[in-house]
Amino acid sequence: MGLVEGLSGPEIQLRLRARSFLHNQVRSIVGTLERVGAGRWAPEDVKTALEARNRAACGPVSPPDGLYLQNVRYKSDPFA
């Protein structure tokens, strides 16, 4: 995660890596972290949301604008 100067001002860059992601999982993570960064949630609220094991307890799903898939890595033959 990092803050960099973008073309239209500061932007936050996140690099998320996992074996797989659920539908809208990254957007949910970004929306939750945005709440913390904006000061609307304390970091402890993220822990509470994760412990709830319910996506409804997380922050809002962020809009897709600016989010993109950079890379996908597979074993040399994923179907072997």
N, C-alpha and C. Protein backbone atom coordinates (compact mmCIF):
# COMPACT_ATOMS: atom_id res chain seq x y z
N MET A 1 0.85 -1.16 0.00
CA MET A 1 0.00 0.00 0.00
C MET A 1 0.89 1.22 0.00
N GLY A 2 0.52 2.19 -0.78
CA GLY A 2 1.32 3.39 -0.82
C GLY A 2 0.53 4.57 -1.35
N LEU A 3 0.95 5.75 -0.97
CA LEU A 3 0.35 6.99 -1.44
C LEU A 3 1.31 7.60 -2.44
N VAL A 4 0.84 7.85 -3.64
CA VAL A 4 1.68 8.42 -4.69
C VAL A 4 0.95 9.60 -5.32
N GLU A 5 1.68 10.42 -6.01
CA GLU A 5 1.07 11.55 -6.71
C GLU A 5 0.61 11.08 -8.08
N GLY A 6 -0.68 11.13 -8.33
CA GLY A 6 -1.25 10.74 -9.61
C GLY A 6 -1.45 11.94 -10.51
N LEU A 7 -2.04 11.75 -11.65
CA LEU A 7 -2.27 12.84 -12.59
C LEU A 7 -3.22 13.89 -12.05
N SER A 8 -4.19 13.48 -11.24
CA SER A 8 -5.16 14.44 -10.71
C SER A 8 -5.07 14.59 -9.20
N GLY A 9 -3.90 14.33 -8.63
CA GLY A 9 -3.70 14.47 -7.20
C GLY A 9 -3.25 13.17 -6.58
N PRO A 10 -3.23 13.12 -5.25
CA PRO A 10 -2.75 11.92 -4.56
C PRO A 10 -3.63 10.71 -4.87
N GLU A 11 -3.02 9.57 -4.96
CA GLU A 11 -3.77 8.34 -5.13
C GLU A 11 -3.17 7.27 -4.24
N ILE A 12 -4.00 6.33 -3.87
CA ILE A 12 -3.58 5.21 -3.02
C ILE A 12 -3.42 4.00 -3.92
N GLN A 13 -2.30 3.33 -3.78
CA GLN A 13 -2.06 2.11 -4.54
C GLN A 13 -2.00 0.93 -3.58
N LEU A 14 -2.81 -0.07 -3.86
CA LEU A 14 -2.84 -1.30 -3.07
C LEU A 14 -2.44 -2.45 -3.97
N ARG A 15 -1.65 -3.35 -3.46
CA ARG A 15 -1.32 -4.58 -4.17
C ARG A 15 -1.82 -5.72 -3.32
N LEU A 16 -2.82 -6.41 -3.85
CA LEU A 16 -3.42 -7.52 -3.13
C LEU A 16 -3.08 -8.81 -3.85
N ARG A 17 -2.72 -9.81 -3.10
CA ARG A 17 -2.29 -11.07 -3.68
C ARG A 17 -2.93 -12.21 -2.89
N ALA A 18 -3.49 -13.17 -3.61
CA ALA A 18 -4.11 -14.33 -2.97
C ALA A 18 -4.18 -15.47 -3.95
N ARG A 19 -4.45 -16.63 -3.45
CA ARG A 19 -4.65 -17.79 -4.31
C ARG A 19 -5.90 -17.59 -5.15
N SER A 20 -6.92 -16.94 -4.56
CA SER A 20 -8.15 -16.62 -5.28
C SER A 20 -8.88 -15.52 -4.51
N PHE A 21 -9.81 -14.88 -5.17
CA PHE A 21 -10.63 -13.85 -4.54
C PHE A 21 -12.10 -14.16 -4.78
N LEU A 22 -12.93 -13.78 -3.83
CA LEU A 22 -14.37 -13.88 -4.00
C LEU A 22 -14.87 -12.70 -4.83
N HIS A 23 -16.08 -12.82 -5.37
CA HIS A 23 -16.67 -11.75 -6.16
C HIS A 23 -16.73 -10.46 -5.33
N ASN A 24 -16.22 -9.38 -5.85
CA ASN A 24 -16.19 -8.06 -5.22
C ASN A 24 -15.37 -7.99 -3.93
N GLN A 25 -14.57 -8.99 -3.65
CA GLN A 25 -13.78 -8.99 -2.41
C GLN A 25 -12.79 -7.84 -2.38
N VAL A 26 -12.09 -7.60 -3.47
CA VAL A 26 -11.11 -6.50 -3.49
C VAL A 26 -11.82 -5.17 -3.33
N ARG A 27 -12.94 -4.99 -3.99
CA ARG A 27 -13.69 -3.74 -3.86
C ARG A 27 -14.19 -3.54 -2.42
N SER A 28 -14.54 -4.62 -1.75
CA SER A 28 -14.97 -4.54 -0.36
C SER A 28 -13.79 -4.15 0.55
N ILE A 29 -12.62 -4.73 0.30
CA ILE A 29 -11.42 -4.38 1.07
C ILE A 29 -11.09 -2.91 0.88
N VAL A 30 -11.10 -2.44 -0.37
CA VAL A 30 -10.78 -1.04 -0.66
C VAL A 30 -11.79 -0.12 0.01
N GLY A 31 -13.08 -0.43 -0.07
CA GLY A 31 -14.10 0.40 0.57
C GLY A 31 -13.94 0.48 2.07
N THR A 32 -13.57 -0.64 2.69
CA THR A 32 -13.35 -0.67 4.13
C THR A 32 -12.13 0.16 4.51
N LEU A 33 -11.03 -0.01 3.79
CA LEU A 33 -9.82 0.76 4.09
C LEU A 33 -10.01 2.25 3.83
N GLU A 34 -10.85 2.59 2.85
CA GLU A 34 -11.13 4.01 2.59
C GLU A 34 -11.81 4.64 3.79
N ARG A 35 -12.69 3.91 4.44
CA ARG A 35 -13.36 4.44 5.64
C ARG A 35 -12.34 4.75 6.74
N VAL A 36 -11.37 3.87 6.91
CA VAL A 36 -10.33 4.10 7.92
C VAL A 36 -9.50 5.32 7.54
N GLY A 37 -9.08 5.38 6.27
CA GLY A 37 -8.26 6.50 5.82
C GLY A 37 -8.96 7.83 5.91
N ALA A 38 -10.28 7.83 5.73
CA ALA A 38 -11.06 9.07 5.81
C ALA A 38 -11.39 9.44 7.26
N GLY A 39 -11.04 8.56 8.20
CA GLY A 39 -11.28 8.84 9.61
C GLY A 39 -12.69 8.50 10.08
N ARG A 40 -13.48 7.83 9.24
CA ARG A 40 -14.83 7.46 9.65
C ARG A 40 -14.86 6.18 10.45
N TRP A 41 -13.81 5.36 10.31
CA TRP A 41 -13.66 4.15 11.11
C TRP A 41 -12.31 4.18 11.79
N ALA A 42 -12.25 3.59 12.97
CA ALA A 42 -10.98 3.36 13.65
C ALA A 42 -10.43 2.02 13.15
N PRO A 43 -9.12 1.83 13.20
CA PRO A 43 -8.57 0.53 12.78
C PRO A 43 -9.22 -0.66 13.50
N GLU A 44 -9.64 -0.46 14.73
CA GLU A 44 -10.28 -1.54 15.48
C GLU A 44 -11.61 -1.95 14.84
N ASP A 45 -12.25 -1.01 14.13
CA ASP A 45 -13.51 -1.33 13.46
C ASP A 45 -13.31 -2.37 12.36
N VAL A 46 -12.14 -2.36 11.74
CA VAL A 46 -11.84 -3.35 10.71
C VAL A 46 -11.75 -4.73 11.35
N LYS A 47 -11.09 -4.80 12.49
CA LYS A 47 -10.98 -6.07 13.22
C LYS A 47 -12.38 -6.58 13.58
N THR A 48 -13.24 -5.70 14.05
CA THR A 48 -14.60 -6.09 14.41
C THR A 48 -15.35 -6.60 13.18
N ALA A 49 -15.19 -5.93 12.06
CA ALA A 49 -15.86 -6.35 10.82
C ALA A 49 -15.38 -7.73 10.37
N LEU A 50 -14.07 -7.96 10.45
CA LEU A 50 -13.53 -9.25 10.05
C LEU A 50 -14.00 -10.37 10.99
N GLU A 51 -14.04 -10.07 12.27
CA GLU A 51 -14.49 -11.07 13.24
C GLU A 51 -15.97 -11.41 13.07
N ALA A 52 -16.75 -10.48 12.51
CA ALA A 52 -18.17 -10.73 12.29
C ALA A 52 -18.39 -11.80 11.23
N ARG A 53 -17.39 -11.98 10.35
CA ARG A 53 -17.48 -12.98 9.28
C ARG A 53 -18.74 -12.79 8.44
N ASN A 54 -19.05 -11.51 8.21
CA ASN A 54 -20.23 -11.15 7.45
C ASN A 54 -19.88 -9.91 6.64
N ARG A 55 -19.97 -10.01 5.33
CA ARG A 55 -19.57 -8.89 4.48
C ARG A 55 -20.39 -7.64 4.75
N ALA A 56 -21.61 -7.79 5.23
CA ALA A 56 -22.45 -6.64 5.54
C ALA A 56 -21.84 -5.79 6.65
N ALA A 57 -20.97 -6.37 7.47
CA ALA A 57 -20.32 -5.63 8.55
C ALA A 57 -19.14 -4.79 8.06
N CYS A 58 -18.71 -5.05 6.82
CA CYS A 58 -17.57 -4.31 6.25
C CYS A 58 -18.03 -2.97 5.70
N GLY A 59 -17.07 -2.21 5.24
CA GLY A 59 -17.38 -0.95 4.59
C GLY A 59 -18.06 -1.20 3.26
N PRO A 60 -18.46 -0.12 2.58
CA PRO A 60 -19.16 -0.28 1.31
C PRO A 60 -18.22 -0.81 0.22
N VAL A 61 -18.80 -1.44 -0.76
CA VAL A 61 -18.02 -1.90 -1.92
C VAL A 61 -17.64 -0.65 -2.71
N SER A 62 -16.36 -0.48 -2.96
CA SER A 62 -15.91 0.72 -3.68
C SER A 62 -16.30 0.62 -5.14
N PRO A 63 -16.42 1.77 -5.80
CA PRO A 63 -16.71 1.72 -7.24
C PRO A 63 -15.51 1.14 -7.99
N PRO A 64 -15.74 0.58 -9.15
CA PRO A 64 -14.64 -0.05 -9.88
C PRO A 64 -13.67 0.94 -10.52
N ASP A 65 -14.01 2.20 -10.56
CA ASP A 65 -13.16 3.20 -11.20
C ASP A 65 -11.76 3.18 -10.59
N GLY A 66 -10.77 3.03 -11.42
CA GLY A 66 -9.39 3.06 -10.96
C GLY A 66 -8.84 1.72 -10.50
N LEU A 67 -9.70 0.74 -10.33
CA LEU A 67 -9.23 -0.58 -9.94
C LEU A 67 -8.99 -1.39 -11.20
N TYR A 68 -7.86 -2.06 -11.25
CA TYR A 68 -7.59 -2.90 -12.42
C TYR A 68 -6.75 -4.09 -12.03
N LEU A 69 -6.90 -5.14 -12.82
CA LEU A 69 -6.14 -6.36 -12.63
C LEU A 69 -4.81 -6.21 -13.36
N GLN A 70 -3.74 -6.28 -12.62
CA GLN A 70 -2.42 -6.07 -13.20
C GLN A 70 -1.79 -7.37 -13.69
N ASN A 71 -2.00 -8.45 -12.97
CA ASN A 71 -1.23 -9.65 -13.28
C ASN A 71 -1.96 -10.88 -12.76
N VAL A 72 -1.87 -11.96 -13.49
CA VAL A 72 -2.34 -13.27 -13.05
C VAL A 72 -1.21 -14.25 -13.28
N ARG A 73 -0.91 -15.03 -12.28
CA ARG A 73 0.17 -16.02 -12.40
C ARG A 73 -0.39 -17.41 -12.20
N TYR A 74 -0.02 -18.31 -13.06
CA TYR A 74 -0.40 -19.70 -12.94
C TYR A 74 0.85 -20.55 -12.92
N LYS A 75 0.72 -21.76 -12.41
CA LYS A 75 1.79 -22.72 -12.58
C LYS A 75 1.96 -22.92 -14.08
N SER A 76 3.06 -23.50 -14.50
CA SER A 76 3.30 -23.66 -15.93
C SER A 76 2.13 -24.36 -16.65
N ASP A 77 1.50 -25.33 -16.01
CA ASP A 77 0.33 -25.96 -16.59
C ASP A 77 -0.69 -26.17 -15.47
N PRO A 78 -1.64 -25.24 -15.32
CA PRO A 78 -2.57 -25.33 -14.20
C PRO A 78 -3.52 -26.52 -14.27
N PHE A 79 -3.62 -27.17 -15.43
CA PHE A 79 -4.55 -28.28 -15.59
C PHE A 79 -3.86 -29.64 -15.53
N ALA A 80 -2.56 -29.65 -15.25
CA ALA A 80 -1.82 -30.91 -15.20
C ALA A 80 -2.12 -31.68 -13.93
